[in-house]
Structures are given as structure tokens and as C-alpha cells.
C-alpha atoms as a PDB file:
ATOM      1  CA  MET A   1    -145.677-262.928 120.062  1.00  0.00           C
ATOM      2  CA  ILE A   2    -147.716-261.513 118.198  1.00  0.00           C
ATOM      3  CA  TYR A   3    -145.952-259.621 114.751  1.00  0.00           C
ATOM      4  CA  LEU A   4    -148.420-260.144 112.662  1.00  0.00           C
ATOM      5  CA  LYS A   5    -151.657-258.525 114.567  1.00  0.00           C
ATOM      6  CA  SER A   6    -154.440-258.865 111.347  1.00  0.00           C
ATOM      7  CA  PHE A   7    -154.457-259.192 107.535  1.00  0.00           C
ATOM      8  CA  THR A   8    -157.300-258.112 105.353  1.00  0.00           C
ATOM      9  CA  LEU A   9    -158.589-259.868 102.216  1.00  0.00           C
ATOM     10  CA  LEU A  10    -160.760-258.730  99.099  1.00  0.00           C
ATOM     11  CA  ASP A  11    -164.397-258.697  99.182  1.00  0.00           C
ATOM     12  CA  GLU A  12    -166.302-259.202  95.797  1.00  0.00           C
ATOM     13  CA  LYS A  13    -166.977-255.801  95.087  1.00  0.00           C
ATOM     14  CA  GLU A  14    -163.087-255.530  95.175  1.00  0.00           C
ATOM     15  CA  GLU A  15    -162.287-258.031  93.437  1.00  0.00           C
ATOM     16  CA  ASN A  16    -164.278-257.199  90.904  1.00  0.00           C
ATOM     17  CA  ASP A  17    -162.697-253.809  90.711  1.00  0.00           C
ATOM     18  CA  TYR A  18    -159.333-254.501  91.270  1.00  0.00           C
ATOM     19  CA  VAL A  19    -158.242-257.832  90.091  1.00  0.00           C
ATOM     20  CA  LEU A  20    -160.950-258.349  87.317  1.00  0.00           C
ATOM     21  CA  GLY A  21    -160.933-254.909  86.244  1.00  0.00           C
ATOM     22  CA  SER A  22    -157.227-254.616  86.114  1.00  0.00           C
ATOM     23  CA  ASP A  23    -157.174-257.346  83.271  1.00  0.00           C
ATOM     24  CA  THR A  24    -158.314-256.059  79.746  1.00  0.00           C
ATOM     25  CA  ARG A  25    -157.891-259.156  78.511  1.00  0.00           C
ATOM     26  CA  ASN A  26    -159.909-261.306  80.427  1.00  0.00           C
ATOM     27  CA  ILE A  27    -159.193-264.535  78.549  1.00  0.00           C
ATOM     28  CA  TYR A  28    -158.192-266.711  81.543  1.00  0.00           C
ATOM     29  CA  ASN A  29    -160.364-269.869  82.563  1.00  0.00           C
ATOM     30  CA  ASN A  30    -159.130-270.274  86.210  1.00  0.00           C
ATOM     31  CA  TYR A  31    -160.020-267.089  88.276  1.00  0.00           C
ATOM     32  CA  TYR A  32    -158.156-268.746  91.672  1.00  0.00           C
ATOM     33  CA  PRO A  33    -157.690-267.277  94.506  1.00  0.00           C
ATOM     34  CA  LEU A  34    -161.420-265.445  93.450  1.00  0.00           C
ATOM     35  CA  ASN A  35    -164.474-265.806  95.256  1.00  0.00           C
ATOM     36  CA  ILE A  36    -162.868-268.404  97.647  1.00  0.00           C
ATOM     37  CA  PHE A  37    -162.907-266.123 100.687  1.00  0.00           C
ATOM     38  CA  SER A  38    -165.085-263.426  99.352  1.00  0.00           C
ATOM     39  CA  SER A  39    -167.982-266.099  99.050  1.00  0.00           C
ATOM     40  CA  ARG A  40    -167.420-266.752 102.753  1.00  0.00           C
ATOM     41  CA  ARG A  41    -167.346-263.331 103.867  1.00  0.00           C
ATOM     42  CA  LEU A  42    -164.180-263.816 105.498  1.00  0.00           C
ATOM     43  CA  LYS A  43    -162.482-260.023 104.931  1.00  0.00           C
ATOM     44  CA  ASN A  44    -160.350-259.072 108.288  1.00  0.00           C
ATOM     45  CA  ILE A  45    -158.507-261.975 110.112  1.00  0.00           C
ATOM     46  CA  LYS A  46    -157.264-260.666 113.419  1.00  0.00           C
ATOM     47  CA  PHE A  47    -154.307-263.119 114.577  1.00  0.00           C
ATOM     48  CA  GLY A  48    -152.790-264.908 118.327  1.00  0.00           C
ATOM     49  CA  SER A  49    -149.685-266.059 118.861  1.00  0.00           C
ATOM     50  CA  ILE A  50    -151.044-269.159 117.318  1.00  0.00           C
ATOM     51  CA  THR A  51    -153.864-269.079 114.521  1.00  0.00           C
ATOM     52  CA  CYS A  52    -155.269-272.044 113.006  1.00  0.00           C
ATOM     53  CA  PHE A  53    -157.241-272.448 110.264  1.00  0.00           C
ATOM     54  CA  TYR A  54    -159.514-275.641 109.978  1.00  0.00           C
ATOM     55  CA  GLY A  55    -161.894-276.801 107.497  1.00  0.00           C
ATOM     56  CA  GLY A  56    -162.555-279.636 104.856  1.00  0.00           C
ATOM     57  CA  ASN A  57    -160.792-279.935 101.717  1.00  0.00           C
ATOM     58  CA  GLY A  58    -161.899-277.003  99.196  1.00  0.00           C
ATOM     59  CA  SER A  59    -162.284-274.626 101.872  1.00  0.00           C
ATOM     60  CA  GLY A  60    -159.259-272.469 100.982  1.00  0.00           C
ATOM     61  CA  LYS A  61    -156.890-273.849 104.483  1.00  0.00           C
ATOM     62  CA  SER A  62    -153.871-274.116 101.942  1.00  0.00           C
ATOM     63  CA  THR A  63    -154.645-270.900  99.738  1.00  0.00           C
ATOM     64  CA  ILE A  64    -154.912-268.431 102.678  1.00  0.00           C
ATOM     65  CA  LEU A  65    -151.884-269.658 103.718  1.00  0.00           C
ATOM     66  CA  ASN A  66    -150.429-268.991 100.483  1.00  0.00           C
ATOM     67  CA  ILE A  67    -151.776-265.497  99.826  1.00  0.00           C
ATOM     68  CA  ILE A  68    -150.523-264.324 103.556  1.00  0.00           C
ATOM     69  CA  SER A  69    -147.038-266.243 103.156  1.00  0.00           C
ATOM     70  CA  GLU A  70    -146.385-264.137  99.586  1.00  0.00           C
ATOM     71  CA  LYS A  71    -147.499-260.936 100.748  1.00  0.00           C
ATOM     72  CA  LEU A  72    -145.156-261.348 103.932  1.00  0.00           C
ATOM     73  CA  ASN A  73    -142.437-261.967 100.397  1.00  0.00           C
ATOM     74  CA  SER A  74    -141.489-265.254 103.764  1.00  0.00           C
ATOM     75  CA  ASN A  75    -139.109-267.812 102.935  1.00  0.00           C
ATOM     76  CA  ARG A  76    -140.181-270.978 101.445  1.00  0.00           C
ATOM     77  CA  LYS A  77    -138.680-274.280 100.235  1.00  0.00           C
ATOM     78  CA  THR A  78    -141.415-275.139  97.624  1.00  0.00           C
ATOM     79  CA  GLU A  79    -143.048-272.839  95.099  1.00  0.00           C
ATOM     80  CA  ILE A  80    -146.484-273.128  94.269  1.00  0.00           C
ATOM     81  CA  ASP A  81    -148.546-272.979  91.736  1.00  0.00           C
ATOM     82  CA  LYS A  82    -150.440-268.906  91.825  1.00  0.00           C
ATOM     83  CA  GLY A  83    -152.649-268.847  88.918  1.00  0.00           C
ATOM     84  CA  SER A  84    -153.409-266.131  86.826  1.00  0.00           C
ATOM     85  CA  TYR A  85    -155.127-263.797  89.432  1.00  0.00           C
ATOM     86  CA  PHE A  86    -152.938-264.500  92.185  1.00  0.00           C
ATOM     87  CA  ASN A  87    -150.351-262.048  92.610  1.00  0.00           C
ATOM     88  CA  ILE A  88    -152.969-259.647  91.672  1.00  0.00           C
ATOM     89  CA  TYR A  89    -155.254-260.647  94.527  1.00  0.00           C
ATOM     90  CA  VAL A  90    -152.326-260.606  96.655  1.00  0.00           C
ATOM     91  CA  LYS A  91    -151.094-256.441  95.412  1.00  0.00           C
ATOM     92  CA  TYR A  92    -154.980-255.441  97.348  1.00  0.00           C
ATOM     93  CA  THR A  93    -154.626-257.171 100.269  1.00  0.00           C
ATOM     94  CA  SER A  94    -153.296-255.549 103.124  1.00  0.00           C
ATOM     95  CA  TYR A  95    -152.030-256.321 106.542  1.00  0.00           C
ATOM     96  CA  GLU A  96    -150.915-254.821 110.237  1.00  0.00           C
ATOM     97  CA  MET A  97    -147.672-255.155 112.198  1.00  0.00           C
ATOM     98  CA  GLY A  98    -146.598-254.974 115.605  1.00  0.00           C
ATOM     99  CA  ILE A  99    -144.245-253.014 116.975  1.00  0.00           C
ATOM    100  CA  GLU A 100    -141.822-256.013 117.509  1.00  0.00           C
ATOM    101  CA  GLN A 101    -140.493-257.150 114.384  1.00  0.00           C
ATOM    102  CA  PRO A 102    -139.507-261.254 113.421  1.00  0.00           C
ATOM    103  CA  ILE A 103    -136.338-262.265 112.933  1.00  0.00           C
ATOM    104  CA  SER A 104    -137.664-264.243 109.787  1.00  0.00           C
ATOM    105  CA  ILE A 105    -140.602-265.526 108.428  1.00  0.00           C
ATOM    106  CA  LYS A 106    -140.730-268.949 106.910  1.00  0.00           C
ATOM    107  CA  THR A 107    -143.500-271.090 105.377  1.00  0.00           C
ATOM    108  CA  ILE A 108    -143.276-274.777 105.524  1.00  0.00           C
ATOM    109  CA  ASN A 109    -146.220-277.337 104.297  1.00  0.00           C
ATOM    110  CA  SER A 110    -145.721-281.370 103.796  1.00  0.00           C
ATOM    111  CA  ASP A 111    -143.877-281.147 100.273  1.00  0.00           C
ATOM    112  CA  ASP A 112    -141.114-279.954 102.662  1.00  0.00           C
ATOM    113  CA  VAL A 113    -140.985-282.388 104.873  1.00  0.00           C
ATOM    114  CA  PHE A 114    -141.478-284.815 102.317  1.00  0.00           C
ATOM    115  CA  ASP A 115    -138.351-283.644 100.427  1.00  0.00           C
ATOM    116  CA  TYR A 116    -136.207-284.021 103.440  1.00  0.00           C
ATOM    117  CA  LEU A 117    -137.654-287.618 104.684  1.00  0.00           C
ATOM    118  CA  LEU A 118    -136.684-288.535 100.494  1.00  0.00           C
ATOM    119  CA  ASP A 119    -133.543-287.081 102.144  1.00  0.00           C
ATOM    120  CA  ILE A 120    -132.777-289.502 104.931  1.00  0.00           C
ATOM    121  CA  ARG A 121    -133.294-292.294 103.257  1.00  0.00           C
ATOM    122  CA  SER A 122    -130.940-291.448 100.291  1.00  0.00           C
ATOM    123  CA  ILE A 123    -128.260-290.891 103.781  1.00  0.00           C
ATOM    124  CA  ASN A 124    -129.993-293.750 104.996  1.00  0.00           C
ATOM    125  CA  SER A 125    -129.127-295.902 101.812  1.00  0.00           C
ATOM    126  CA  HIS A 126    -125.305-294.325 101.643  1.00  0.00           C
ATOM    127  CA  ILE A 127    -125.277-295.609 105.360  1.00  0.00           C
ATOM    128  CA  ASN A 128    -126.457-299.400 104.710  1.00  0.00           C
ATOM    129  CA  ARG A 129    -123.832-299.614 102.284  1.00  0.00           C
ATOM    130  CA  ARG A 130    -121.222-298.588 104.163  1.00  0.00           C
ATOM    131  CA  LYS A 131    -122.285-300.479 106.696  1.00  0.00           C
ATOM    132  CA  GLU A 132    -121.810-303.799 104.766  1.00  0.00           C
ATOM    133  CA  LYS A 133    -118.485-302.646 103.745  1.00  0.00           C
ATOM    134  CA  LEU A 134    -116.953-301.988 106.933  1.00  0.00           C
ATOM    135  CA  SER A 135    -118.539-304.855 108.078  1.00  0.00           C
ATOM    136  CA  LYS A 136    -116.423-306.931 105.754  1.00  0.00           C
ATOM    137  CA  GLU A 137    -113.414-304.393 106.513  1.00  0.00           C
ATOM    138  CA  PHE A 138    -113.991-306.000 110.406  1.00  0.00           C
ATOM    139  CA  LEU A 139    -113.836-309.205 109.969  1.00  0.00           C
ATOM    140  CA  GLU A 140    -110.885-309.079 107.927  1.00  0.00           C
ATOM    141  CA  ASN A 141    -109.013-307.288 110.515  1.00  0.00           C
ATOM    142  CA  LYS A 142    -110.043-309.531 113.640  1.00  0.00           C
ATOM    143  CA  TYR A 143    -108.793-312.882 111.785  1.00  0.00           C
ATOM    144  CA  SER A 144    -106.047-311.398 109.568  1.00  0.00           C
ATOM    145  CA  ASN A 145    -102.303-312.132 110.897  1.00  0.00           C
ATOM    146  CA  ASN A 146    -100.635-309.391 108.859  1.00  0.00           C
ATOM    147  CA  SER A 147     -98.301-307.478 110.765  1.00  0.00           C
ATOM    148  CA  LEU A 148     -98.613-303.510 110.378  1.00  0.00           C
ATOM    149  CA  SER A 149     -95.682-300.878 111.307  1.00  0.00           C
ATOM    150  CA  PHE A 150     -96.471-297.708 113.046  1.00  0.00           C
ATOM    151  CA  GLU A 151     -96.519-296.286 109.928  1.00  0.00           C
ATOM    152  CA  ASP A 152     -99.383-297.615 108.732  1.00  0.00           C
ATOM    153  CA  PHE A 153    -101.671-296.071 111.223  1.00  0.00           C
ATOM    154  CA  GLU A 154    -104.877-296.076 109.667  1.00  0.00           C
ATOM    155  CA  ASN A 155    -104.530-299.661 109.117  1.00  0.00           C
ATOM    156  CA  LEU A 156    -102.942-300.424 112.752  1.00  0.00           C
ATOM    157  CA  ARG A 157    -105.708-298.448 114.328  1.00  0.00           C
ATOM    158  CA  ASP A 158    -108.328-300.501 112.950  1.00  0.00           C
ATOM    159  CA  SER A 159    -106.763-303.639 112.882  1.00  0.00           C
ATOM    160  CA  ILE A 160    -106.093-303.012 116.927  1.00  0.00           C
ATOM    161  CA  ASP A 161    -109.807-301.945 117.052  1.00  0.00           C
ATOM    162  CA  SER A 162    -111.087-304.934 115.553  1.00  0.00           C
ATOM    163  CA  LYS A 163    -109.705-307.265 118.283  1.00  0.00           C
ATOM    164  CA  ARG A 164    -110.735-304.755 120.972  1.00  0.00           C
ATOM    165  CA  LYS A 165    -114.440-303.798 120.238  1.00  0.00           C
ATOM    166  CA  THR A 166    -117.796-305.927 118.694  1.00  0.00           C
ATOM    167  CA  MET A 167    -118.376-305.253 115.366  1.00  0.00           C
ATOM    168  CA  SER A 168    -121.288-303.437 115.934  1.00  0.00           C
ATOM    169  CA  LYS A 169    -119.409-301.085 117.993  1.00  0.00           C
ATOM    170  CA  TYR A 170    -116.905-300.855 115.333  1.00  0.00           C
ATOM    171  CA  VAL A 171    -118.951-299.858 112.329  1.00  0.00           C
ATOM    172  CA  ARG A 172    -121.016-297.679 114.657  1.00  0.00           C
ATOM    173  CA  ASP A 173    -118.090-295.629 115.346  1.00  0.00           C
ATOM    174  CA  ARG A 174    -116.961-294.822 112.050  1.00  0.00           C
ATOM    175  CA  LEU A 175    -120.468-294.035 110.612  1.00  0.00           C
ATOM    176  CA  VAL A 176    -121.445-290.173 110.027  1.00  0.00           C
ATOM    177  CA  ASN A 177    -124.963-289.797 110.883  1.00  0.00           C
ATOM    178  CA  ASN A 178    -125.409-293.401 112.224  1.00  0.00           C
ATOM    179  CA  ILE A 179    -128.406-292.174 114.487  1.00  0.00           C
ATOM    180  CA  ILE A 180    -129.951-291.323 111.720  1.00  0.00           C
ATOM    181  CA  ILE A 181    -130.684-294.767 110.123  1.00  0.00           C
ATOM    182  CA  GLU A 182    -132.874-295.822 113.546  1.00  0.00           C
ATOM    183  CA  SER A 183    -135.595-293.448 113.210  1.00  0.00           C
ATOM    184  CA  SER A 184    -138.807-293.877 111.976  1.00  0.00           C
ATOM    185  CA  ASN A 185    -140.337-291.880 108.995  1.00  0.00           C
ATOM    186  CA  GLY A 186    -142.458-290.280 111.947  1.00  0.00           C
ATOM    187  CA  GLU A 187    -139.616-289.186 114.071  1.00  0.00           C
ATOM    188  CA  SER A 188    -137.391-287.917 111.055  1.00  0.00           C
ATOM    189  CA  ALA A 189    -140.214-285.653 110.238  1.00  0.00           C
ATOM    190  CA  LEU A 190    -140.805-284.745 113.956  1.00  0.00           C
ATOM    191  CA  MET A 191    -136.977-284.244 113.578  1.00  0.00           C
ATOM    192  CA  PHE A 192    -137.457-282.086 110.843  1.00  0.00           C
ATOM    193  CA  TRP A 193    -140.045-279.711 112.379  1.00  0.00           C
ATOM    194  CA  GLU A 194    -137.772-279.364 115.528  1.00  0.00           C
ATOM    195  CA  LYS A 195    -134.786-278.048 113.569  1.00  0.00           C
ATOM    196  CA  GLU A 196    -136.796-275.891 111.321  1.00  0.00           C
ATOM    197  CA  ILE A 197    -138.240-273.609 114.141  1.00  0.00           C
ATOM    198  CA  GLU A 198    -136.276-271.020 115.714  1.00  0.00           C
ATOM    199  CA  ASP A 199    -136.443-268.170 117.760  1.00  0.00           C
ATOM    200  CA  ASP A 200    -138.412-264.771 117.663  1.00  0.00           C
ATOM    201  CA  SER A 201    -139.676-266.003 114.226  1.00  0.00           C
ATOM    202  CA  ILE A 202    -143.206-266.011 112.245  1.00  0.00           C
ATOM    203  CA  TYR A 203    -143.752-269.861 110.868  1.00  0.00           C
ATOM    204  CA  ILE A 204    -146.298-270.451 108.450  1.00  0.00           C
ATOM    205  CA  LEU A 205    -147.475-273.666 108.658  1.00  0.00           C
ATOM    206  CA  ASP A 206    -149.663-276.292 106.244  1.00  0.00           C
ATOM    207  CA  GLU A 207    -150.833-279.336 107.955  1.00  0.00           C
ATOM    208  CA  PRO A 208    -147.966-280.234 110.214  1.00  0.00           C
ATOM    209  CA  GLU A 209    -149.697-283.262 111.098  1.00  0.00           C
ATOM    210  CA  ASN A 210    -148.409-285.062 108.211  1.00  0.00           C
ATOM    211  CA  SER A 211    -146.137-287.802 108.272  1.00  0.00           C
ATOM    212  CA  LEU A 212    -146.349-287.596 112.059  1.00  0.00           C
ATOM    213  CA  SER A 213    -148.351-290.483 114.382  1.00  0.00           C
ATOM    214  CA  ALA A 214    -150.790-289.299 117.190  1.00  0.00           C
ATOM    215  CA  GLU A 215    -147.847-289.336 119.345  1.00  0.00           C
ATOM    216  CA  ASN A 216    -145.551-287.492 117.885  1.00  0.00           C
ATOM    217  CA  GLN A 217    -148.855-284.791 116.620  1.00  0.00           C
ATOM    218  CA  ILE A 218    -148.234-284.824 120.527  1.00  0.00           C
ATOM    219  CA  LYS A 219    -144.568-284.007 121.046  1.00  0.00           C
ATOM    220  CA  LEU A 220    -144.515-280.855 117.762  1.00  0.00           C
ATOM    221  CA  MET A 221    -148.386-279.486 119.340  1.00  0.00           C
ATOM    222  CA  LYS A 222    -146.075-278.867 123.374  1.00  0.00           C
ATOM    223  CA  PHE A 223    -142.841-278.162 120.959  1.00  0.00           C
ATOM    224  CA  ILE A 224    -145.325-275.325 119.376  1.00  0.00           C
ATOM    225  CA  GLU A 225    -146.523-274.308 122.681  1.00  0.00           C
ATOM    226  CA  ASP A 226    -142.936-273.679 124.110  1.00  0.00           C
ATOM    227  CA  SER A 227    -141.621-272.091 121.116  1.00  0.00           C
ATOM    228  CA  VAL A 228    -144.310-269.247 121.566  1.00  0.00           C
ATOM    229  CA  ARG A 229    -144.341-269.571 125.299  1.00  0.00           C
ATOM    230  CA  PHE A 230    -140.563-269.350 125.288  1.00  0.00           C
ATOM    231  CA  TYR A 231    -138.994-268.388 122.356  1.00  0.00           C
ATOM    232  CA  ASN A 232    -140.856-265.679 121.058  1.00  0.00           C
ATOM    233  CA  CYS A 233    -142.472-267.646 118.055  1.00  0.00           C
ATOM    234  CA  GLN A 234    -145.578-266.840 116.131  1.00  0.00           C
ATOM    235  CA  PHE A 235    -147.338-269.909 114.793  1.00  0.00           C
ATOM    236  CA  ILE A 236    -150.249-269.259 111.845  1.00  0.00           C
ATOM    237  CA  ILE A 237    -151.193-272.638 110.824  1.00  0.00           C
ATOM    238  CA  SER A 238    -153.446-274.615 108.588  1.00  0.00           C
ATOM    239  CA  THR A 239    -155.088-278.001 110.157  1.00  0.00           C
ATOM    240  CA  HIS A 240    -157.699-280.335 111.085  1.00  0.00           C
ATOM    241  CA  SER A 241    -155.713-282.297 113.827  1.00  0.00           C
ATOM    242  CA  PRO A 242    -157.562-281.921 117.380  1.00  0.00           C
ATOM    243  CA  PHE A 243    -154.434-282.026 118.762  1.00  0.00           C
ATOM    244  CA  PHE A 244    -153.058-278.753 117.534  1.00  0.00           C
ATOM    245  CA  LEU A 245    -156.235-277.067 117.339  1.00  0.00           C
ATOM    246  CA  SER A 246    -156.602-277.920 120.931  1.00  0.00           C
ATOM    247  CA  MET A 247    -153.127-275.868 121.667  1.00  0.00           C
ATOM    248  CA  LYS A 248    -153.694-272.965 124.347  1.00  0.00           C
ATOM    249  CA  ASP A 249    -155.108-269.488 123.711  1.00  0.00           C
ATOM    250  CA  ALA A 250    -155.344-270.839 119.949  1.00  0.00           C
ATOM    251  CA  VAL A 251    -157.629-268.706 117.940  1.00  0.00           C
ATOM    252  CA  ILE A 252    -159.251-270.608 114.930  1.00  0.00           C
ATOM    253  CA  TYR A 253    -160.951-269.776 111.814  1.00  0.00           C
ATOM    254  CA  ASP A 254    -163.377-272.408 110.896  1.00  0.00           C
ATOM    255  CA  LEU A 255    -163.519-272.357 107.008  1.00  0.00           C
ATOM    256  CA  ASP A 256    -166.557-274.437 106.476  1.00  0.00           C
ATOM    257  CA  THR A 257    -168.754-272.251 107.903  1.00  0.00           C
ATOM    258  CA  ILE A 258    -170.644-268.407 106.486  1.00  0.00           C
ATOM    259  CA  PRO A 259    -169.602-266.576 106.844  1.00  0.00           C
ATOM    260  CA  VAL A 260    -166.330-267.634 108.557  1.00  0.00           C
ATOM    261  CA  ILE A 261    -166.213-267.584 112.631  1.00  0.00           C
ATOM    262  CA  THR A 262    -163.591-268.127 114.978  1.00  0.00           C
ATOM    263  CA  ARG A 263    -164.603-271.429 117.300  1.00  0.00           C
ATOM    264  CA  LYS A 264    -163.502-272.814 120.370  1.00  0.00           C
ATOM    265  CA  TRP A 265    -161.528-276.461 119.421  1.00  0.00           C
ATOM    266  CA  THR A 266    -164.385-278.435 121.019  1.00  0.00           C
ATOM    267  CA  GLU A 267    -167.255-276.844 118.636  1.00  0.00           C
ATOM    268  CA  LEU A 268    -165.474-277.843 115.505  1.00  0.00           C
ATOM    269  CA  GLU A 269    -167.424-280.760 113.619  1.00  0.00           C
ATOM    270  CA  ASN A 270    -163.876-282.791 112.755  1.00  0.00           C
ATOM    271  CA  VAL A 271    -163.442-282.868 116.904  1.00  0.00           C
ATOM    272  CA  LYS A 272    -167.184-283.547 117.854  1.00  0.00           C
ATOM    273  CA  ILE A 273    -166.733-286.914 114.765  1.00  0.00           C
ATOM    274  CA  TYR A 274    -163.688-288.081 117.259  1.00  0.00           C
ATOM    275  CA  LYS A 275    -165.742-287.527 120.270  1.00  0.00           C
ATOM    276  CA  LYS A 276    -169.031-289.376 119.139  1.00  0.00           C
ATOM    277  CA  PHE A 277    -166.610-292.065 117.968  1.00  0.00           C
ATOM    278  CA  PHE A 278    -164.928-292.715 121.310  1.00  0.00           C
ATOM    279  CA  ASP A 279    -167.732-292.161 123.192  1.00  0.00           C
ATOM    280  CA  GLU A 280    -169.855-294.906 121.105  1.00  0.00           C
ATOM    281  CA  HIS A 281    -166.739-297.315 121.772  1.00  0.00           C
ATOM    282  CA  SER A 282    -166.147-296.206 125.212  1.00  0.00           C
ATOM    283  CA  SER A 283    -167.039-299.485 126.739  1.00  0.00           C
ATOM    284  CA  GLU A 284    -164.222-301.512 124.762  1.00  0.00           C
ATOM    285  CA  PHE A 285    -161.596-298.916 126.833  1.00  0.00           C
ATOM    286  CA  LYS A 286    -160.396-301.076 130.010  1.00  0.00           C
ATOM    287  CA  GLU A 287    -158.564-299.735 132.788  1.00  0.00           C
ATOM    288  CA  GLU A 288    -154.843-300.886 133.191  1.00  0.00           C
END
């Protein structure tokens, strides 16, 4: 599904006329995001169901997502440092939507994932303390000779359970969200993405590969492809991960080129470096 069809940035003349010309004070030292894309001669962006922005540090991957996100009034959890000219720049950009409208537009970056992992860690810390308490409770109930009446139902149930179950089963049955404690950071990050992505929406993702192993990157890549194919989602992604760049029918803008052009994922410099490295070490890989 393609909800957002195109987006138009400002060229150098428009930046001077509309942005700098609108500010009579001209006292700022930080001109962000001016000159980032005009210097690369990137003005008109055409979107597919999956659109990737690829490039090295400082190429503007996150900036272009922030501009699109702000213009579309996207929902986001983490605020960005916009700078003095950001809002004026965004004001003069434009975009074209298709006939179909998304239910929601959401921006997700690595800070959101990190905050989620911290929340999970906090929950796990609480679970660990709760486990210790329940383990002690199990032992006390299991070896206690105290007689309990039916009126004291809760304690009676605990006493019976402690004599019928193992300590592990007793503790796990009483823990809330105990599955979380068994998840690694990477697995928890994957859970975050699967929880956040719903049907019929636009998702603007800033480097979703962060906190994910290669295996989990592939899982998320397939989840994104399925979300496009079966659940009418559109994705706009900044990434340098070869797994995400290889997604079926992805439109890839190479921000390392001047002018910026679209490329096949196999033509990108970062991917070529990976290929060269593995080719040089191909003899070390043995068939199992």
C-alpha cells in the first residue's frame, strides 16, 4: 500500500528565499537542516510501499525522516532537537497522498526501543525480587505443619500447591509476565517492533536494526514485508543494514551520492564491502 506518494524538499534558492528570507534577525549559528539536501540536489522523493534512505553518518538519514514525520504530523514518543530553522523549513515542504488514507502515522526511533528495554529491565528486576519472595514462601509452606481451615482459602491453596508442585512451577504460576524475564535484549527489541506495528498505517523507522542480532533483523525484515503484503502498511526507513535494504520492492535512496539517486541494494557501497569481506574469507566457510 502506498499512502504517501511523494515529498518535495527545498532547493538552495527556496532555502534562501523562504527560510533565511523569512528571518529578519539572522542571528543563528546553527542553520540545520539547511543545505543538507539542497547540496546533494535531492528535491523530489517518490515513495514505494517500502522506501529506504541509506547513507553514512552525517548523510541526513535521520534528518529526512524527521522532516517527513513533522510535516505529516506523525505520532512519536521521543521529541527531537529541531534547531532554529527546522519548523520554517518544514513549513515550505510539500507532499502528495494517495486516495487511500492511513489509520495512523507513527515515527519510531532507537531511543524508543532503548526506553522499552529499560522498562523491561525494570520489570525483570521486580520479577527477580518477587521470585525470591515466592521461593521462600514455597519452602515455608512445603515444610510447615500448621493446619489451616477452609476459611483461610489463600493460605490453604498456597500450602496445597507447595506440596503438589515443584518450586519452579509454584513460582512461575504466581509471576505476572514471567515470559519477559526469559527474553534477551534482542528478543525484547523484536517484541517491541511486533507490538508497535499494526494494520493500515504509515511507519517511519529510524535504524530499526539497532539492538537486533542478524537473526532478529531477518525476522523483523520478514515481519515488515508481511505487514506490507497482508496488512496494508507503508514503511519509510533509514538504515544501513543489508537485510533491510534487501527487502522486496524497496525503493532505496543513496544519500552518499551527489546528486542523490535510487539504487539496487547490491549496488550500495556498504553492501559491496560486506560481499568483498565474505568473498575473501569464503574458503573458511565449510559445508556442514
